[in-house]
Amino acid sequence: MFGDILLVRRQGIYERLIDWATTSDCSHVAIEGDGHLIEAAYRRVEHAPLNKYAGQCDLAQVLGASRQQRFAAVAWLESRIGTPYGWSDIWLDFERLGLHLNVGQRWLRMSHFDCSCLAAAAYATAGRPITFVPVPSPADLDYSAMLVGPRSWAPTLAEASGGHYA
């Protein structure tokens, strides 16, 4: 559904490091937009085909999010297309998870994002926070009580071929 969150479970070397560091097999987060995914990839926030993670993810809905909040979150995400990836956020994850330091709400600066901060910022700006963790990792969203699911997800044929939501 429009605005749902994909909790991606891949098995590359980088993903296994994330799994190990966060004690979760969720290593990436993407959001379902209008006929495409929106994600913070390795260089920037960008669109991706709906079927990019088919068979590698679970889908979660934001608990209590209204249609207006989902649309506001996706509109905010669309406005961030091209924003640089937050490589420094990976260091902040290490500081929080490995060194147990308080690093604050990094997504508030909104100049660059990693995948989980992008999703958290989108729903926070729409008035429906999806985590109270100030520096969310993909695992924090995987464990969030504000997400309903996860459930297995694969795009329908209509969605994968560019179908749109009303």
Protein backbone atom coordinates (compact mmCIF):
# COMPACT_ATOMS: atom_id res chain seq x y z
CA MET A 1 0.00 0.00 0.00
CA PHE A 2 1.11 3.54 -0.71
CA GLY A 3 3.45 4.67 2.09
CA ASP A 4 4.17 1.20 3.45
CA ILE A 5 7.67 0.37 4.60
CA LEU A 6 9.71 -2.47 3.14
CA LEU A 7 12.04 -4.16 5.61
CA VAL A 8 14.72 -5.62 3.35
CA ARG A 9 16.62 -8.77 4.28
CA ARG A 10 19.58 -9.25 1.91
CA GLN A 11 22.68 -11.36 2.40
CA GLY A 12 25.65 -9.48 0.92
CA ILE A 13 28.78 -8.77 2.96
CA TYR A 14 27.71 -5.20 3.83
CA GLU A 15 24.25 -6.43 4.83
CA ARG A 16 25.69 -9.16 7.02
CA LEU A 17 27.75 -6.53 8.85
CA ILE A 18 24.58 -4.54 9.48
CA ASP A 19 22.81 -7.71 10.65
CA TRP A 20 25.65 -8.48 13.05
CA ALA A 21 25.88 -4.92 14.41
CA THR A 22 22.14 -4.52 14.95
CA THR A 23 21.15 -8.12 15.87
CA SER A 24 18.48 -8.11 13.18
CA ASP A 25 18.34 -9.57 9.70
CA CYS A 26 16.80 -6.33 8.42
CA SER A 27 19.60 -4.44 6.67
CA HIS A 28 17.74 -1.88 4.55
CA VAL A 29 14.49 0.08 4.44
CA ALA A 30 12.56 1.43 1.46
CA ILE A 31 9.14 3.09 1.19
CA GLU A 32 6.46 2.32 -1.34
CA GLY A 33 5.62 5.37 -3.42
CA ASP A 34 3.28 5.83 -6.37
CA GLY A 35 4.28 2.98 -8.67
CA HIS A 36 7.89 2.85 -7.40
CA LEU A 37 10.00 2.57 -4.27
CA ILE A 38 11.79 5.48 -2.64
CA GLU A 39 15.03 4.68 -0.85
CA ALA A 40 18.31 6.10 0.36
CA ALA A 41 20.69 4.06 -1.75
CA TYR A 42 24.49 4.18 -1.66
CA ARG A 43 24.79 7.61 -3.30
CA ARG A 44 21.50 9.44 -2.88
CA VAL A 45 17.78 9.27 -2.22
CA GLU A 46 16.26 7.83 -5.38
CA HIS A 47 13.42 5.92 -7.02
CA ALA A 48 13.67 2.18 -7.56
CA PRO A 49 11.39 -0.31 -9.32
CA LEU A 50 8.69 -1.84 -7.14
CA ASN A 51 10.06 -5.33 -7.75
CA LYS A 52 13.66 -4.49 -6.74
CA TYR A 53 13.43 -6.38 -3.44
CA ALA A 54 10.79 -8.97 -4.37
CA GLY A 55 11.37 -12.08 -2.29
CA GLN A 56 13.93 -10.27 -0.08
CA CYS A 57 11.71 -8.21 2.19
CA ASP A 58 8.71 -7.94 4.44
CA LEU A 59 6.13 -5.19 4.29
CA ALA A 60 4.99 -3.20 7.31
CA GLN A 61 2.27 -0.60 7.63
CA VAL A 62 2.53 2.41 9.92
CA LEU A 63 0.18 1.83 12.84
CA GLY A 64 -2.62 4.38 12.89
CA ALA A 65 -1.32 6.39 9.93
CA SER A 66 -4.15 8.10 8.11
CA ARG A 67 -4.31 8.28 4.35
CA GLN A 68 -3.31 11.96 4.62
CA GLN A 69 -0.25 11.09 6.72
CA ARG A 70 0.85 8.40 4.26
CA PHE A 71 0.48 10.84 1.36
CA ALA A 72 2.32 13.56 3.32
CA ALA A 73 5.18 11.17 4.11
CA VAL A 74 5.53 10.09 0.47
CA ALA A 75 5.29 13.70 -0.77
CA TRP A 76 8.09 14.64 1.65
CA LEU A 77 10.14 11.69 0.38
CA GLU A 78 9.62 12.75 -3.23
CA SER A 79 10.91 16.21 -2.32
CA ARG A 80 14.13 14.60 -1.06
CA ILE A 81 15.00 12.76 -4.32
CA GLY A 82 18.67 13.47 -5.06
CA THR A 83 19.60 14.23 -1.44
CA PRO A 84 23.03 12.69 -0.65
CA TYR A 85 23.32 9.42 1.20
CA GLY A 86 24.25 9.76 4.87
CA TRP A 87 27.53 7.87 5.06
CA SER A 88 28.38 9.70 8.27
CA ASP A 89 25.20 8.20 9.72
CA ILE A 90 26.83 4.78 9.54
CA TRP A 91 29.49 6.10 11.92
CA LEU A 92 26.74 7.45 14.18
CA ASP A 93 25.15 3.99 14.17
CA PHE A 94 28.48 2.55 15.34
CA GLU A 95 28.73 5.21 18.06
CA ARG A 96 25.22 4.42 19.28
CA LEU A 97 25.21 0.64 18.90
CA GLY A 98 28.88 -0.16 19.48
CA LEU A 99 30.01 2.55 21.88
CA HIS A 100 26.61 3.28 23.48
CA LEU A 101 26.91 7.02 22.98
CA ASN A 102 23.94 9.40 22.77
CA VAL A 103 24.17 10.91 19.28
CA GLY A 104 20.82 12.74 19.14
CA GLN A 105 18.22 12.83 16.39
CA ARG A 106 20.43 12.93 13.34
CA TRP A 107 17.60 13.13 10.82
CA LEU A 108 16.59 16.55 12.09
CA ARG A 109 19.36 18.22 10.06
CA MET A 110 17.80 16.80 6.85
CA SER A 111 20.85 17.39 4.64
CA HIS A 112 21.64 13.70 4.04
CA PHE A 113 20.02 10.41 5.00
CA ASP A 114 20.61 6.75 5.39
CA CYS A 115 17.65 4.48 4.69
CA SER A 116 16.19 4.20 8.18
CA CYS A 117 16.54 7.89 8.99
CA LEU A 118 14.86 8.76 5.69
CA ALA A 119 11.81 6.66 6.60
CA ALA A 120 11.74 7.97 10.18
CA ALA A 121 12.00 11.59 9.04
CA ALA A 122 9.25 11.15 6.44
CA TYR A 123 6.70 9.94 8.96
CA ALA A 124 7.85 12.31 11.70
CA THR A 125 7.29 15.28 9.38
CA ALA A 126 3.87 13.83 8.51
CA GLY A 127 2.98 13.81 12.22
CA ARG A 128 3.17 10.05 12.74
CA PRO A 129 6.52 8.96 14.21
CA ILE A 130 7.45 5.35 13.48
CA THR A 131 10.09 5.05 16.19
CA PHE A 132 11.15 6.89 19.30
CA VAL A 133 14.75 5.80 18.82
CA PRO A 134 16.63 9.04 18.15
CA VAL A 135 19.07 7.42 15.71
CA PRO A 136 17.15 4.59 14.06
CA SER A 137 18.85 1.73 12.28
CA PRO A 138 16.95 -0.67 10.01
CA ALA A 139 16.70 -3.00 13.01
CA ASP A 140 15.01 -0.28 15.09
CA LEU A 141 12.29 -0.05 12.46
CA ASP A 142 12.08 -3.85 12.22
CA TYR A 143 11.44 -3.98 15.99
CA SER A 144 9.24 -0.86 16.14
CA ALA A 145 5.87 -1.25 17.83
CA MET A 146 4.59 1.51 15.53
CA LEU A 147 4.80 -0.73 12.48
CA VAL A 148 2.18 -3.41 11.86
CA GLY A 149 3.53 -6.53 10.24
CA PRO A 150 5.84 -7.46 8.84
CA ARG A 151 4.30 -9.68 6.22
CA SER A 152 5.79 -11.10 3.06
CA TRP A 153 5.59 -8.76 0.10
CA ALA A 154 5.96 -8.94 -3.63
CA PRO A 155 4.46 -6.42 -6.02
CA THR A 156 1.46 -7.45 -8.04
CA LEU A 157 1.82 -7.56 -11.80
CA ALA A 158 -0.05 -4.22 -12.09
CA GLU A 159 2.20 -2.58 -9.49
CA ALA A 160 5.40 -3.94 -11.02
CA SER A 161 4.39 -2.62 -14.43
CA GLY A 162 3.80 0.90 -13.15
CA GLY A 163 0.29 0.72 -11.70
CA HIS A 164 -0.68 3.71 -9.56
CA TYR A 165 -2.65 4.14 -6.39
CA ALA A 166 -5.70 6.34 -6.04
